[in-house]
Amino acid sequence: RADLYFRLSTFAITVPPLRERRNDIPLIVERVINRLSRQLGYSLSLGDGVIDVLKRYPWPGNIREIEATLGRLAVQVGSTGIIEKKRLPESLQFVSRLATDEQTLPALQSLKEVERETILRTAQLSRGNVTQMAHILGVSRTTLWRRLKDLQINADDYR
């Protein structure tokens, strides 16, 4: 209704996305779990480490995505009622592994840095021979010349 919108538009309510309010996730999850427990008629709980995985995920679908995910999990676990880490969707587990691996892996490189490093290694291996470099990289010579120019690499430096 236009009149309602006009009256409500006098002030703005800004609710940041869940990825910016990770500390709210345990409270939201607890509320959803309690509601699902009442609806399904059996007690639901989270296994060890599940809340940590849920907090790492960015939740692009916000609360609705949390509700849908927990609803599926609640039906899958059945009357045992314990939502285990291994039952979480692969997308959640993948993000969790990435967050954990960030501490053990070196900093990730941009695609341009990886491309530059690969071309430099290939230049060393082929001693600056552009035809051989193109063959090793699986690209045409023209493409390789263009990339060499863009990345400011002189193949002659490796001869």
C-alpha atoms as a PDB file:
ATOM      1  CA  ARG A   1       0.000   0.000   0.000  1.00  0.00           C
ATOM      2  CA  ALA A   2       1.306   3.381  -1.002  1.00  0.00           C
ATOM      3  CA  ASP A   3       0.163   5.185   2.155  1.00  0.00           C
ATOM      4  CA  LEU A   4       1.889   2.649   4.413  1.00  0.00           C
ATOM      5  CA  TYR A   5       5.089   2.858   2.406  1.00  0.00           C
ATOM      6  CA  PHE A   6       4.975   6.674   2.601  1.00  0.00           C
ATOM      7  CA  ARG A   7       4.601   6.612   6.405  1.00  0.00           C
ATOM      8  CA  LEU A   8       7.327   3.980   6.902  1.00  0.00           C
ATOM      9  CA  SER A   9       9.782   5.610   4.513  1.00  0.00           C
ATOM     10  CA  THR A  10      10.296   8.532   6.903  1.00  0.00           C
ATOM     11  CA  PHE A  11      13.013   6.517   8.651  1.00  0.00           C
ATOM     12  CA  ALA A  12      15.355   3.856   7.372  1.00  0.00           C
ATOM     13  CA  ILE A  13      16.037   0.548   9.072  1.00  0.00           C
ATOM     14  CA  THR A  14      19.344  -0.937   8.045  1.00  0.00           C
ATOM     15  CA  VAL A  15      19.960  -4.564   8.903  1.00  0.00           C
ATOM     16  CA  PRO A  16      23.423  -5.708   7.835  1.00  0.00           C
ATOM     17  CA  PRO A  17      23.785  -9.159   6.269  1.00  0.00           C
ATOM     18  CA  LEU A  18      24.694 -12.147   8.446  1.00  0.00           C
ATOM     19  CA  ARG A  19      28.238 -12.252   7.116  1.00  0.00           C
ATOM     20  CA  GLU A  20      28.753  -8.966   8.976  1.00  0.00           C
ATOM     21  CA  ARG A  21      26.992 -10.204  12.153  1.00  0.00           C
ATOM     22  CA  ARG A  22      28.568 -13.611  12.750  1.00  0.00           C
ATOM     23  CA  ASN A  23      27.992 -13.373  16.505  1.00  0.00           C
ATOM     24  CA  ASP A  24      24.218 -13.425  15.866  1.00  0.00           C
ATOM     25  CA  ILE A  25      24.398 -16.818  14.149  1.00  0.00           C
ATOM     26  CA  PRO A  26      24.396 -18.960  17.344  1.00  0.00           C
ATOM     27  CA  LEU A  27      21.294 -17.123  18.615  1.00  0.00           C
ATOM     28  CA  ILE A  28      19.487 -17.527  15.288  1.00  0.00           C
ATOM     29  CA  VAL A  29      20.450 -21.197  15.061  1.00  0.00           C
ATOM     30  CA  GLU A  30      19.229 -21.830  18.616  1.00  0.00           C
ATOM     31  CA  ARG A  31      15.882 -20.207  17.851  1.00  0.00           C
ATOM     32  CA  VAL A  32      15.443 -22.184  14.618  1.00  0.00           C
ATOM     33  CA  ILE A  33      16.459 -25.459  16.335  1.00  0.00           C
ATOM     34  CA  ASN A  34      13.907 -24.857  19.123  1.00  0.00           C
ATOM     35  CA  ARG A  35      11.131 -24.121  16.637  1.00  0.00           C
ATOM     36  CA  LEU A  36      11.983 -27.194  14.538  1.00  0.00           C
ATOM     37  CA  SER A  37      12.059 -29.358  17.690  1.00  0.00           C
ATOM     38  CA  ARG A  38       8.533 -28.261  18.546  1.00  0.00           C
ATOM     39  CA  GLN A  39       7.303 -28.814  14.989  1.00  0.00           C
ATOM     40  CA  LEU A  40       8.891 -32.257  14.569  1.00  0.00           C
ATOM     41  CA  GLY A  41       8.112 -33.533  18.056  1.00  0.00           C
ATOM     42  CA  TYR A  42      11.639 -34.547  19.028  1.00  0.00           C
ATOM     43  CA  SER A  43      14.593 -32.714  20.516  1.00  0.00           C
ATOM     44  CA  LEU A  44      17.278 -31.410  18.176  1.00  0.00           C
ATOM     45  CA  SER A  45      20.813 -30.448  19.122  1.00  0.00           C
ATOM     46  CA  LEU A  46      24.084 -29.612  17.424  1.00  0.00           C
ATOM     47  CA  GLY A  47      27.132 -31.878  17.536  1.00  0.00           C
ATOM     48  CA  ASP A  48      30.651 -30.761  18.333  1.00  0.00           C
ATOM     49  CA  GLY A  49      32.030 -28.055  16.070  1.00  0.00           C
ATOM     50  CA  VAL A  50      28.831 -27.538  14.072  1.00  0.00           C
ATOM     51  CA  ILE A  51      28.266 -23.998  15.329  1.00  0.00           C
ATOM     52  CA  ASP A  52      31.850 -23.076  14.368  1.00  0.00           C
ATOM     53  CA  VAL A  53      31.221 -24.284  10.810  1.00  0.00           C
ATOM     54  CA  LEU A  54      27.946 -22.366  10.686  1.00  0.00           C
ATOM     55  CA  LYS A  55      29.682 -19.189  11.855  1.00  0.00           C
ATOM     56  CA  ARG A  56      32.341 -19.435   9.117  1.00  0.00           C
ATOM     57  CA  TYR A  57      29.820 -19.676   6.274  1.00  0.00           C
ATOM     58  CA  PRO A  58      28.824 -16.271   4.755  1.00  0.00           C
ATOM     59  CA  TRP A  59      25.074 -17.143   4.481  1.00  0.00           C
ATOM     60  CA  PRO A  60      24.244 -15.265   1.267  1.00  0.00           C
ATOM     61  CA  GLY A  61      20.581 -16.224   1.759  1.00  0.00           C
ATOM     62  CA  ASN A  62      20.654 -14.833   5.312  1.00  0.00           C
ATOM     63  CA  ILE A  63      18.196 -16.253   7.872  1.00  0.00           C
ATOM     64  CA  ARG A  64      16.040 -18.006   5.273  1.00  0.00           C
ATOM     65  CA  GLU A  65      19.052 -20.020   4.140  1.00  0.00           C
ATOM     66  CA  ILE A  66      19.849 -20.979   7.746  1.00  0.00           C
ATOM     67  CA  GLU A  67      16.235 -22.063   8.278  1.00  0.00           C
ATOM     68  CA  ALA A  68      16.186 -24.121   5.080  1.00  0.00           C
ATOM     69  CA  THR A  69      19.534 -25.774   5.829  1.00  0.00           C
ATOM     70  CA  LEU A  70      18.619 -26.651   9.410  1.00  0.00           C
ATOM     71  CA  GLY A  71      15.188 -27.855   8.296  1.00  0.00           C
ATOM     72  CA  ARG A  72      16.751 -30.316   5.840  1.00  0.00           C
ATOM     73  CA  LEU A  73      19.243 -31.467   8.442  1.00  0.00           C
ATOM     74  CA  ALA A  74      16.527 -31.923  11.075  1.00  0.00           C
ATOM     75  CA  VAL A  75      14.601 -34.240   8.777  1.00  0.00           C
ATOM     76  CA  GLN A  76      17.753 -36.157   7.815  1.00  0.00           C
ATOM     77  CA  VAL A  77      18.889 -36.860  11.376  1.00  0.00           C
ATOM     78  CA  GLY A  78      15.496 -38.222  12.356  1.00  0.00           C
ATOM     79  CA  SER A  79      14.648 -38.976  15.958  1.00  0.00           C
ATOM     80  CA  THR A  80      18.324 -39.177  16.980  1.00  0.00           C
ATOM     81  CA  GLY A  81      18.126 -35.397  16.932  1.00  0.00           C
ATOM     82  CA  ILE A  82      21.845 -34.682  16.807  1.00  0.00           C
ATOM     83  CA  ILE A  83      23.033 -32.664  13.828  1.00  0.00           C
ATOM     84  CA  GLU A  84      26.595 -33.832  13.232  1.00  0.00           C
ATOM     85  CA  LYS A  85      29.311 -31.998  11.343  1.00  0.00           C
ATOM     86  CA  LYS A  86      29.567 -34.798   8.778  1.00  0.00           C
ATOM     87  CA  ARG A  87      25.903 -34.298   7.785  1.00  0.00           C
ATOM     88  CA  LEU A  88      26.358 -30.647   6.874  1.00  0.00           C
ATOM     89  CA  PRO A  89      26.058 -29.774   3.174  1.00  0.00           C
ATOM     90  CA  GLU A  90      29.305 -29.866   1.199  1.00  0.00           C
ATOM     91  CA  SER A  91      29.224 -26.101   0.598  1.00  0.00           C
ATOM     92  CA  LEU A  92      29.333 -25.452   4.363  1.00  0.00           C
ATOM     93  CA  GLN A  93      32.103 -27.978   4.914  1.00  0.00           C
ATOM     94  CA  PHE A  94      34.121 -26.566   2.007  1.00  0.00           C
ATOM     95  CA  VAL A  95      33.996 -23.012   3.380  1.00  0.00           C
ATOM     96  CA  SER A  96      34.946 -24.333   6.800  1.00  0.00           C
ATOM     97  CA  ARG A  97      37.948 -26.203   5.372  1.00  0.00           C
ATOM     98  CA  LEU A  98      39.030 -23.084   3.485  1.00  0.00           C
ATOM     99  CA  ALA A  99      38.865 -21.009   6.662  1.00  0.00           C
ATOM    100  CA  THR A 100      40.880 -23.642   8.552  1.00  0.00           C
ATOM    101  CA  ASP A 101      43.390 -24.109   5.740  1.00  0.00           C
ATOM    102  CA  GLU A 102      44.076 -20.358   5.561  1.00  0.00           C
ATOM    103  CA  GLN A 103      46.139 -20.716   8.715  1.00  0.00           C
ATOM    104  CA  THR A 104      48.247 -23.564   7.296  1.00  0.00           C
ATOM    105  CA  LEU A 105      48.524 -22.519   3.649  1.00  0.00           C
ATOM    106  CA  PRO A 106      50.583 -19.615   2.397  1.00  0.00           C
ATOM    107  CA  ALA A 107      48.641 -16.583   1.224  1.00  0.00           C
ATOM    108  CA  LEU A 108      46.680 -17.272  -1.953  1.00  0.00           C
ATOM    109  CA  GLN A 109      47.902 -15.597  -5.124  1.00  0.00           C
ATOM    110  CA  SER A 110      45.834 -13.768  -7.668  1.00  0.00           C
ATOM    111  CA  LEU A 111      45.272 -15.394 -11.037  1.00  0.00           C
ATOM    112  CA  LYS A 112      47.557 -12.835 -12.670  1.00  0.00           C
ATOM    113  CA  GLU A 113      50.381 -13.669 -10.233  1.00  0.00           C
ATOM    114  CA  VAL A 114      49.975 -17.399 -10.880  1.00  0.00           C
ATOM    115  CA  GLU A 115      49.939 -16.803 -14.630  1.00  0.00           C
ATOM    116  CA  ARG A 116      53.063 -14.628 -14.423  1.00  0.00           C
ATOM    117  CA  GLU A 117      54.893 -17.214 -12.320  1.00  0.00           C
ATOM    118  CA  THR A 118      53.921 -20.031 -14.708  1.00  0.00           C
ATOM    119  CA  ILE A 119      55.093 -18.096 -17.744  1.00  0.00           C
ATOM    120  CA  LEU A 120      58.384 -17.213 -16.034  1.00  0.00           C
ATOM    121  CA  ARG A 121      59.033 -20.857 -15.131  1.00  0.00           C
ATOM    122  CA  THR A 122      58.202 -21.925 -18.665  1.00  0.00           C
ATOM    123  CA  ALA A 123      60.552 -19.252 -20.046  1.00  0.00           C
ATOM    124  CA  GLN A 124      63.362 -20.617 -17.879  1.00  0.00           C
ATOM    125  CA  LEU A 125      62.587 -24.191 -18.885  1.00  0.00           C
ATOM    126  CA  SER A 126      62.510 -23.419 -22.620  1.00  0.00           C
ATOM    127  CA  ARG A 127      65.338 -20.853 -22.439  1.00  0.00           C
ATOM    128  CA  GLY A 128      63.172 -18.088 -23.886  1.00  0.00           C
ATOM    129  CA  ASN A 129      62.048 -20.068 -26.976  1.00  0.00           C
ATOM    130  CA  VAL A 130      58.546 -18.621 -27.495  1.00  0.00           C
ATOM    131  CA  THR A 131      57.411 -21.428 -29.805  1.00  0.00           C
ATOM    132  CA  GLN A 132      58.378 -24.050 -27.225  1.00  0.00           C
ATOM    133  CA  MET A 133      56.816 -21.990 -24.415  1.00  0.00           C
ATOM    134  CA  ALA A 134      53.524 -21.738 -26.320  1.00  0.00           C
ATOM    135  CA  HIS A 135      53.563 -25.496 -26.930  1.00  0.00           C
ATOM    136  CA  ILE A 136      54.223 -26.270 -23.234  1.00  0.00           C
ATOM    137  CA  LEU A 137      51.507 -23.855 -22.081  1.00  0.00           C
ATOM    138  CA  GLY A 138      49.024 -25.073 -24.671  1.00  0.00           C
ATOM    139  CA  VAL A 139      48.350 -21.656 -26.200  1.00  0.00           C
ATOM    140  CA  SER A 140      49.076 -20.078 -29.564  1.00  0.00           C
ATOM    141  CA  ARG A 141      52.219 -18.025 -30.057  1.00  0.00           C
ATOM    142  CA  THR A 142      50.084 -14.912 -30.615  1.00  0.00           C
ATOM    143  CA  THR A 143      48.313 -15.404 -27.304  1.00  0.00           C
ATOM    144  CA  LEU A 144      51.614 -15.961 -25.536  1.00  0.00           C
ATOM    145  CA  TRP A 145      53.144 -12.825 -27.110  1.00  0.00           C
ATOM    146  CA  ARG A 146      50.127 -10.833 -25.931  1.00  0.00           C
ATOM    147  CA  ARG A 147      50.424 -12.219 -22.380  1.00  0.00           C
ATOM    148  CA  LEU A 148      54.177 -11.570 -22.341  1.00  0.00           C
ATOM    149  CA  LYS A 149      53.526  -7.959 -23.330  1.00  0.00           C
ATOM    150  CA  ASP A 150      50.696  -7.529 -20.759  1.00  0.00           C
ATOM    151  CA  LEU A 151      52.842  -9.003 -17.979  1.00  0.00           C
ATOM    152  CA  GLN A 152      55.932  -7.078 -19.151  1.00  0.00           C
ATOM    153  CA  ILE A 153      58.034 -10.198 -19.566  1.00  0.00           C
ATOM    154  CA  ASN A 154      60.866 -10.251 -22.110  1.00  0.00           C
ATOM    155  CA  ALA A 155      61.479 -13.803 -23.356  1.00  0.00           C
ATOM    156  CA  ASP A 156      64.937 -12.769 -24.596  1.00  0.00           C
ATOM    157  CA  ASP A 157      66.049 -12.343 -20.964  1.00  0.00           C
ATOM    158  CA  TYR A 158      65.921 -16.154 -20.590  1.00  0.00           C
ATOM    159  CA  ARG A 159      68.088 -17.097 -23.580  1.00  0.00           C
END
